[in-house]
Amino acid sequence: MTTRDSFLRSTYHLTTDPFASRVDLTAPMADRVDERKRWEQVIQRRKGQIGNSLNFIVADYGLGKSYTLYQIGEQSKQDNEIMPIYLKFLPEDTVQRFGLDFITRIFRSFQPKYVSGRLSEDSYHEVAAVFPDVATVLQKFFSDDELAVAFVRAYRTLTAVETRNLGASRKLATTEVAKDYLLALLFLLRSAGILSLLLLVDEVEYVFSQMTGAKVANVFNTLRELYDLPQSPRALELGKPLANIIYFFGISRAGWTRLNDLEKREQRRGGPFQPFLDRKEEVIELQPLNLDGARELIELRLRRDRVRGAVLEQPLIPYADDFVQYIYELTGGNPRHVVERCDLVLLDGLRDMVPKLTRSYAKQVMESHGLLTEPS
């Protein structure tokens, strides 16, 4: 064990640097009590309802938008009537057909093994009455058939022989065909006792940097159509309730402003943005942490990496109260910046073997790294 590691354990009572990961989706959540109540109310209110639910998590950089979406999904895993799926709004590659890509990426994130044992042959027969080819393919997909998985998730283009052997009479190459697969999936989920599909969609703002004009408009028109899908004529042909979709879209504040500006511009001439935003239910805006929230964030990180393992009610923490106050003043309560500054101070504190982190020492560290030493 190095001198540094020994000091970390003996003086700071930590096993590792708890601030080393700037974006730690698994870290305990600090504060956000009111926000959490709002998203929990949405999920409980809309679970199993006929219609879908459209919600937004709006936050500036570093305030925990991605982290919040992840935590919503993790909390929902405790409810076996909800299936959470997390995905980015757009893939890294250029998108030609947004709806087709969005739906196939839902299937890529979906784990059939959690549902397949809860489905009967009758469920597939009911789907086959409306979508015979889809029922055939999805039954194989739920059985982890290699060709079906490659087809539904668009991993590769199947040959004509492979497509025929799979029983797919239509190529999965358009949004309209993909919608049939999504409708069938929602029907099968409901048949398996899953009442809602929880879609946690991050980084919506990137659509404005990757697309322009009519392409952006087409994206939001497609989203509006997906929102309305359970009430479409094709859905009604299935004759039974579907699992609904509860959407939580994560978007930056700049992206949210841009989206609302587009809505205002089209109020007189019509367009896709207004009908899409008219369907929204909750807009949860994440604010910077207050002083107590910043302290809680620091303490939760420190508690998790204690030498003794157990989470202590009042853990021995190697900092003075004026240290937290100083970090809060420097960062304005931005969670990511709080973690970044604590990481710098803790690492330098280990190097210098400082027994307790204080305001004066933290200021010295900021200065040595060429960072602001006073709030801007």
Protein backbone atom coordinates (compact mmCIF):
# COMPACT_ATOMS: atom_id res chain seq x y z
CA MET A 1 0.00 0.00 0.00
CA THR A 2 1.42 3.41 -0.99
CA THR A 3 1.83 6.29 1.44
CA ARG A 4 -0.97 8.08 -0.36
CA ASP A 5 -3.37 5.11 -0.01
CA SER A 6 -2.40 4.69 3.62
CA PHE A 7 -3.12 8.35 4.33
CA LEU A 8 -6.45 8.09 2.45
CA ARG A 9 -7.53 5.24 4.73
CA SER A 10 -6.02 6.30 8.04
CA THR A 11 -6.76 10.03 7.99
CA TYR A 12 -9.65 10.47 5.54
CA HIS A 13 -11.18 7.05 6.33
CA LEU A 14 -11.88 6.47 2.64
CA THR A 15 -11.16 3.53 0.35
CA THR A 16 -11.05 5.59 -2.87
CA ASP A 17 -11.45 9.17 -4.03
CA PRO A 18 -15.27 9.50 -4.11
CA PHE A 19 -15.10 12.53 -6.41
CA ALA A 20 -12.91 10.96 -9.10
CA SER A 21 -15.89 10.25 -11.38
CA ARG A 22 -17.31 13.60 -12.45
CA VAL A 23 -20.41 11.95 -13.94
CA ASP A 24 -21.41 9.09 -11.63
CA LEU A 25 -24.95 7.97 -12.47
CA THR A 26 -24.94 5.49 -9.58
CA ALA A 27 -24.07 8.01 -6.84
CA PRO A 28 -26.74 8.70 -4.20
CA MET A 29 -29.06 11.58 -5.06
CA ALA A 30 -28.71 14.77 -3.02
CA ASP A 31 -31.65 17.12 -2.45
CA ARG A 32 -34.18 17.15 -5.37
CA VAL A 33 -37.00 16.25 -2.96
CA ASP A 34 -39.65 18.36 -4.70
CA GLU A 35 -38.55 17.32 -8.16
CA ARG A 36 -38.58 13.67 -7.18
CA LYS A 37 -42.11 14.00 -5.83
CA ARG A 38 -43.24 15.46 -9.16
CA TRP A 39 -41.80 12.73 -11.37
CA GLU A 40 -43.04 10.01 -9.02
CA GLN A 41 -46.53 11.51 -9.16
CA VAL A 42 -46.45 11.51 -12.96
CA ILE A 43 -45.48 7.85 -13.10
CA GLN A 44 -48.06 6.73 -10.55
CA ARG A 45 -50.76 8.88 -12.11
CA ARG A 46 -50.12 7.68 -15.65
CA LYS A 47 -49.12 4.05 -15.09
CA GLY A 48 -51.43 1.81 -17.07
CA GLN A 49 -53.56 4.61 -18.47
CA ILE A 50 -54.84 4.50 -22.04
CA GLY A 51 -52.93 7.55 -23.25
CA ASN A 52 -49.23 8.33 -23.16
CA SER A 53 -47.56 10.99 -21.04
CA LEU A 54 -45.05 13.59 -22.25
CA ASN A 55 -42.67 15.18 -19.73
CA PHE A 56 -39.42 17.13 -19.74
CA ILE A 57 -36.41 17.40 -17.46
CA VAL A 58 -34.85 20.81 -18.19
CA ALA A 59 -31.41 21.72 -16.85
CA ASP A 60 -28.23 23.62 -17.62
CA TYR A 61 -24.91 21.81 -17.96
CA GLY A 62 -23.84 20.09 -14.77
CA LEU A 63 -27.16 20.32 -12.92
CA GLY A 64 -27.88 16.59 -13.22
CA LYS A 65 -30.19 16.11 -16.20
CA SER A 66 -28.71 12.77 -17.31
CA TYR A 67 -28.28 11.71 -13.70
CA THR A 68 -31.94 12.47 -12.96
CA LEU A 69 -33.15 10.43 -15.93
CA TYR A 70 -31.00 7.50 -14.80
CA GLN A 71 -32.32 7.74 -11.24
CA ILE A 72 -35.94 7.83 -12.45
CA GLY A 73 -35.25 4.57 -14.29
CA GLU A 74 -33.50 2.94 -11.34
CA GLN A 75 -36.33 3.84 -8.96
CA SER A 76 -38.90 2.47 -11.41
CA LYS A 77 -37.18 -0.92 -11.59
CA GLN A 78 -38.70 -1.66 -8.20
CA ASP A 79 -42.14 -1.75 -9.86
CA ASN A 80 -42.59 -4.89 -11.96
CA GLU A 81 -45.49 -3.25 -13.83
CA ILE A 82 -43.14 -0.67 -15.37
CA MET A 83 -40.31 -1.26 -17.84
CA PRO A 84 -37.79 1.60 -17.97
CA ILE A 85 -35.59 2.13 -21.03
CA TYR A 86 -32.87 4.77 -21.27
CA LEU A 87 -31.62 6.01 -24.65
CA LYS A 88 -30.10 9.04 -26.34
CA PHE A 89 -32.39 11.17 -28.48
CA LEU A 90 -30.15 10.71 -31.52
CA PRO A 91 -27.42 8.18 -32.36
CA GLU A 92 -23.90 9.28 -33.20
CA ASP A 93 -24.40 8.59 -36.91
CA THR A 94 -26.57 10.70 -39.23
CA VAL A 95 -30.24 9.74 -39.13
CA GLN A 96 -32.22 9.40 -42.35
CA ARG A 97 -35.52 8.26 -40.85
CA PHE A 98 -35.90 9.44 -37.28
CA GLY A 99 -39.01 7.39 -36.42
CA LEU A 100 -37.53 4.15 -37.73
CA ASP A 101 -34.25 4.76 -35.91
CA PHE A 102 -35.97 5.76 -32.65
CA ILE A 103 -38.15 2.65 -32.57
CA THR A 104 -35.35 0.22 -33.48
CA ARG A 105 -33.20 1.74 -30.71
CA ILE A 106 -36.05 1.07 -28.26
CA PHE A 107 -35.85 -2.58 -29.29
CA ARG A 108 -32.06 -2.52 -28.89
CA SER A 109 -32.45 -1.42 -25.26
CA PHE A 110 -35.31 -3.84 -24.59
CA GLN A 111 -34.49 -7.14 -22.87
CA PRO A 112 -36.95 -9.86 -24.04
CA LYS A 113 -35.94 -12.30 -21.29
CA TYR A 114 -37.76 -10.19 -18.69
CA VAL A 115 -41.06 -10.67 -20.53
CA SER A 116 -40.93 -13.83 -22.64
CA GLY A 117 -41.85 -16.21 -19.81
CA ARG A 118 -44.94 -14.17 -19.03
CA LEU A 119 -46.47 -14.42 -22.53
CA SER A 120 -48.94 -17.03 -23.77
CA GLU A 121 -49.45 -18.35 -27.29
CA ASP A 122 -52.83 -16.61 -27.30
CA SER A 123 -51.12 -13.23 -27.03
CA TYR A 124 -49.18 -13.83 -30.23
CA HIS A 125 -52.33 -15.11 -31.96
CA GLU A 126 -54.14 -11.89 -31.08
CA VAL A 127 -51.33 -9.83 -32.57
CA ALA A 128 -51.27 -12.06 -35.66
CA ALA A 129 -54.93 -11.24 -36.35
CA VAL A 130 -53.84 -7.68 -37.14
CA PHE A 131 -50.08 -7.91 -37.85
CA PRO A 132 -49.38 -11.52 -38.91
CA ASP A 133 -45.77 -10.94 -40.00
CA VAL A 134 -45.00 -8.87 -36.90
CA ALA A 135 -46.38 -11.55 -34.60
CA THR A 136 -44.21 -14.20 -36.25
CA VAL A 137 -41.05 -12.12 -35.98
CA LEU A 138 -41.65 -10.93 -32.42
CA GLN A 139 -42.39 -14.43 -31.15
CA LYS A 140 -38.95 -15.43 -32.42
CA PHE A 141 -37.45 -12.20 -31.06
CA PHE A 142 -38.79 -12.99 -27.59
CA SER A 143 -37.22 -16.45 -27.95
CA ASP A 144 -33.85 -14.79 -28.66
CA ASP A 145 -33.75 -16.05 -32.24
CA GLU A 146 -30.57 -14.66 -33.85
CA LEU A 147 -32.20 -13.59 -37.12
CA ALA A 148 -35.16 -11.99 -35.36
CA VAL A 149 -32.89 -10.02 -33.04
CA ALA A 150 -30.78 -8.79 -35.97
CA PHE A 151 -33.90 -7.84 -37.92
CA VAL A 152 -35.85 -6.03 -35.20
CA ARG A 153 -32.84 -4.20 -33.80
CA ALA A 154 -31.56 -3.35 -37.31
CA TYR A 155 -28.13 -4.75 -36.58
CA ARG A 156 -27.73 -5.71 -40.22
CA THR A 157 -29.68 -6.15 -43.45
CA LEU A 158 -30.94 -9.70 -43.83
CA THR A 159 -30.68 -11.52 -47.14
CA ALA A 160 -33.85 -12.38 -49.05
CA VAL A 161 -33.55 -16.01 -47.94
CA GLU A 162 -33.04 -15.03 -44.29
CA THR A 163 -36.01 -12.66 -44.41
CA ARG A 164 -38.21 -15.36 -45.90
CA ASN A 165 -37.10 -17.93 -43.32
CA LEU A 166 -37.81 -15.44 -40.54
CA GLY A 167 -41.36 -14.93 -41.78
CA ALA A 168 -41.01 -11.18 -42.29
CA SER A 169 -43.15 -10.28 -45.30
CA ARG A 170 -42.13 -6.60 -45.04
CA LYS A 171 -38.71 -5.06 -44.62
CA LEU A 172 -38.26 -3.05 -41.45
CA ALA A 173 -37.19 -0.04 -43.50
CA THR A 174 -39.84 2.63 -42.91
CA THR A 175 -41.31 4.38 -39.89
CA GLU A 176 -44.78 3.08 -40.75
CA VAL A 177 -43.67 -0.55 -40.53
CA ALA A 178 -41.70 0.21 -37.35
CA LYS A 179 -44.88 1.64 -35.78
CA ASP A 180 -46.58 -1.74 -36.26
CA TYR A 181 -43.74 -3.41 -34.37
CA LEU A 182 -43.99 -0.83 -31.57
CA LEU A 183 -47.77 -1.30 -31.31
CA ALA A 184 -47.34 -5.08 -31.15
CA LEU A 185 -44.66 -4.68 -28.48
CA LEU A 186 -46.96 -2.49 -26.36
CA PHE A 187 -49.74 -5.06 -26.76
CA LEU A 188 -47.46 -7.91 -25.68
CA LEU A 189 -46.10 -5.93 -22.73
CA ARG A 190 -49.63 -5.36 -21.47
CA SER A 191 -50.40 -9.05 -21.96
CA ALA A 192 -47.35 -9.83 -19.82
CA GLY A 193 -48.58 -7.58 -17.00
CA ILE A 194 -46.35 -4.60 -17.79
CA LEU A 195 -48.62 -1.57 -17.75
CA SER A 196 -46.21 1.13 -18.87
CA LEU A 197 -43.05 1.55 -20.91
CA LEU A 198 -40.98 4.31 -19.31
CA LEU A 199 -38.82 5.99 -21.97
CA LEU A 200 -36.02 8.14 -20.56
CA VAL A 201 -34.62 10.05 -23.52
CA ASP A 202 -31.53 12.20 -23.03
CA GLU A 203 -29.81 15.00 -24.97
CA VAL A 204 -32.77 16.26 -26.98
CA GLU A 205 -30.93 19.54 -27.60
CA TYR A 206 -28.50 17.87 -30.00
CA VAL A 207 -31.20 17.72 -32.65
CA PHE A 208 -30.65 21.45 -33.21
CA SER A 209 -26.95 20.99 -33.92
CA GLN A 210 -27.35 17.88 -36.10
CA MET A 211 -30.40 18.94 -38.09
CA THR A 212 -31.95 22.11 -39.48
CA GLY A 213 -35.23 23.39 -40.83
CA ALA A 214 -37.63 20.81 -42.19
CA LYS A 215 -35.65 17.90 -40.73
CA VAL A 216 -36.08 19.23 -37.19
CA ALA A 217 -39.77 19.81 -37.85
CA ASN A 218 -40.13 16.24 -39.13
CA VAL A 219 -38.53 14.86 -35.95
CA PHE A 220 -41.07 16.56 -33.68
CA ASN A 221 -43.93 15.69 -35.98
CA THR A 222 -42.88 12.03 -35.71
CA LEU A 223 -42.70 12.28 -31.92
CA ARG A 224 -46.21 13.69 -31.86
CA GLU A 225 -47.39 10.77 -33.99
CA LEU A 226 -45.72 8.29 -31.64
CA TYR A 227 -47.40 10.00 -28.69
CA ASP A 228 -50.80 9.57 -30.40
CA LEU A 229 -50.10 6.00 -31.54
CA PRO A 230 -52.29 4.23 -28.92
CA GLN A 231 -55.32 6.10 -30.29
CA SER A 232 -54.51 5.40 -33.95
CA PRO A 233 -56.80 3.22 -36.11
CA ARG A 234 -54.09 0.54 -36.27
CA ALA A 235 -53.93 0.39 -32.48
CA LEU A 236 -57.71 0.14 -32.17
CA GLU A 237 -57.70 -2.91 -34.45
CA LEU A 238 -55.91 -4.84 -31.71
CA GLY A 239 -59.06 -4.52 -29.62
CA LYS A 240 -57.40 -4.48 -26.21
CA PRO A 241 -55.54 -1.93 -24.07
CA LEU A 242 -51.84 -1.48 -24.70
CA ALA A 243 -49.05 -0.65 -22.32
CA ASN A 244 -48.78 3.11 -22.51
CA ILE A 245 -45.56 5.10 -22.86
CA ILE A 246 -44.45 7.58 -20.21
CA TYR A 247 -41.84 9.83 -21.80
CA PHE A 248 -39.26 11.86 -19.91
CA PHE A 249 -37.17 13.93 -22.30
CA GLY A 250 -33.96 15.46 -20.94
CA ILE A 251 -33.11 18.79 -22.60
CA SER A 252 -30.75 21.66 -21.85
CA ARG A 253 -32.19 25.05 -20.95
CA ALA A 254 -30.89 26.48 -24.24
CA GLY A 255 -32.55 23.61 -26.13
CA TRP A 256 -35.80 24.16 -24.25
CA THR A 257 -35.76 27.86 -25.13
CA ARG A 258 -35.10 27.00 -28.78
CA LEU A 259 -37.98 24.53 -28.85
CA ASN A 260 -40.40 27.03 -27.34
CA ASP A 261 -39.24 29.75 -29.75
CA LEU A 262 -40.03 27.46 -32.67
CA GLU A 263 -43.48 26.87 -31.20
CA LYS A 264 -44.15 30.61 -30.98
CA ARG A 265 -43.04 31.25 -34.57
CA GLU A 266 -45.51 28.78 -36.03
CA GLN A 267 -48.59 29.87 -34.05
CA ARG A 268 -50.02 31.71 -37.06
CA ARG A 269 -48.94 29.39 -39.86
CA GLY A 270 -49.15 26.02 -38.11
CA GLY A 271 -46.52 23.32 -37.78
CA PRO A 272 -45.42 20.37 -35.64
CA PHE A 273 -43.97 22.13 -32.59
CA GLN A 274 -47.17 23.56 -31.13
CA PRO A 275 -49.19 20.30 -31.24
CA PHE A 276 -46.22 18.44 -29.80
CA LEU A 277 -45.73 20.82 -26.86
CA ASP A 278 -49.49 21.05 -26.30
CA ARG A 279 -49.31 17.43 -25.20
CA LYS A 280 -46.76 18.01 -22.44
CA GLU A 281 -47.74 17.19 -18.88
CA GLU A 282 -44.84 18.14 -16.57
CA VAL A 283 -41.80 20.33 -17.11
CA ILE A 284 -39.38 19.76 -14.23
CA GLU A 285 -36.62 22.35 -14.18
CA LEU A 286 -33.53 21.47 -12.17
CA GLN A 287 -32.05 24.37 -10.22
CA PRO A 288 -28.60 24.63 -8.61
CA LEU A 289 -28.33 23.08 -5.15
CA ASN A 290 -28.61 25.31 -2.11
CA LEU A 291 -25.94 25.22 0.60
CA ASP A 292 -27.58 22.32 2.42
CA GLY A 293 -27.91 20.42 -0.85
CA ALA A 294 -24.24 20.95 -1.67
CA ARG A 295 -23.28 19.69 1.79
CA GLU A 296 -25.52 16.65 1.34
CA LEU A 297 -23.93 15.90 -2.04
CA ILE A 298 -20.43 15.99 -0.54
CA GLU A 299 -21.40 13.90 2.48
CA LEU A 300 -23.23 11.27 0.42
CA ARG A 301 -20.18 10.80 -1.76
CA LEU A 302 -17.90 10.52 1.26
CA ARG A 303 -20.18 8.11 3.10
CA ARG A 304 -20.31 5.69 0.20
CA ASP A 305 -16.55 5.09 0.13
CA ARG A 306 -15.92 4.69 3.85
CA VAL A 307 -13.29 2.22 5.00
CA ARG A 308 -15.75 0.47 7.28
CA GLY A 309 -18.23 0.06 4.46
CA ALA A 310 -21.40 0.88 6.41
CA VAL A 311 -23.15 4.18 5.74
CA LEU A 312 -22.82 6.08 9.00
CA GLU A 313 -25.36 8.61 10.20
CA GLN A 314 -22.63 11.06 11.16
CA PRO A 315 -19.51 9.90 9.35
CA LEU A 316 -16.11 11.28 10.22
CA ILE A 317 -15.58 13.66 7.29
CA PRO A 318 -12.17 15.28 6.66
CA TYR A 319 -13.34 18.86 6.09
CA ALA A 320 -14.29 21.95 8.03
CA ASP A 321 -17.65 23.70 7.64
CA ASP A 322 -16.00 26.67 5.93
CA PHE A 323 -14.76 24.29 3.20
CA VAL A 324 -18.32 23.41 2.15
CA GLN A 325 -19.33 27.07 2.27
CA TYR A 326 -16.40 27.98 0.04
CA ILE A 327 -17.06 25.21 -2.52
CA TYR A 328 -20.71 26.26 -2.62
CA GLU A 329 -19.78 29.90 -3.21
CA LEU A 330 -17.35 28.97 -6.00
CA THR A 331 -19.74 26.67 -7.84
CA GLY A 332 -23.07 28.36 -7.23
CA GLY A 333 -24.44 24.96 -6.27
CA ASN A 334 -23.82 23.33 -9.66
CA PRO A 335 -23.51 19.62 -8.70
CA ARG A 336 -20.93 18.71 -11.31
CA HIS A 337 -18.76 21.68 -10.42
CA VAL A 338 -19.05 20.80 -6.72
CA VAL A 339 -17.70 17.32 -7.48
CA GLU A 340 -14.93 18.69 -9.73
CA ARG A 341 -13.70 21.16 -7.11
CA CYS A 342 -13.85 18.60 -4.30
CA ASP A 343 -11.87 16.16 -6.44
CA LEU A 344 -9.07 18.69 -6.94
CA VAL A 345 -8.90 19.60 -3.27
CA LEU A 346 -9.02 15.99 -2.07
CA LEU A 347 -6.28 14.87 -4.47
CA ASP A 348 -4.00 17.76 -3.49
CA GLY A 349 -4.86 17.16 0.16
CA LEU A 350 -3.67 13.58 -0.20
CA ARG A 351 -0.47 14.71 -1.86
CA ASP A 352 0.19 17.31 0.84
CA MET A 353 -1.16 15.04 3.60
CA VAL A 354 -3.48 17.73 4.90
CA PRO A 355 -5.42 16.30 7.87
CA LYS A 356 -8.52 18.42 7.27
CA LEU A 357 -9.79 20.25 4.20
CA THR A 358 -10.47 23.92 4.95
CA ARG A 359 -11.48 27.05 3.08
CA SER A 360 -7.95 28.44 3.15
CA TYR A 361 -6.44 25.21 1.81
CA ALA A 362 -9.13 24.90 -0.90
CA LYS A 363 -8.42 28.47 -1.99
CA GLN A 364 -4.73 27.61 -2.23
CA VAL A 365 -5.57 24.60 -4.41
CA MET A 366 -7.77 26.65 -6.76
CA GLU A 367 -5.00 29.19 -7.15
CA SER A 368 -2.39 26.50 -7.90
CA HIS A 369 -4.60 25.10 -10.69
CA GLY A 370 -5.21 28.52 -12.22
CA LEU A 371 -8.88 28.54 -11.26
CA LEU A 372 -10.97 31.35 -9.84
CA THR A 373 -10.50 31.67 -6.10
CA GLU A 374 -13.54 33.88 -5.58
CA PRO A 375 -17.11 33.57 -6.88
CA SER A 376 -17.51 35.18 -10.31
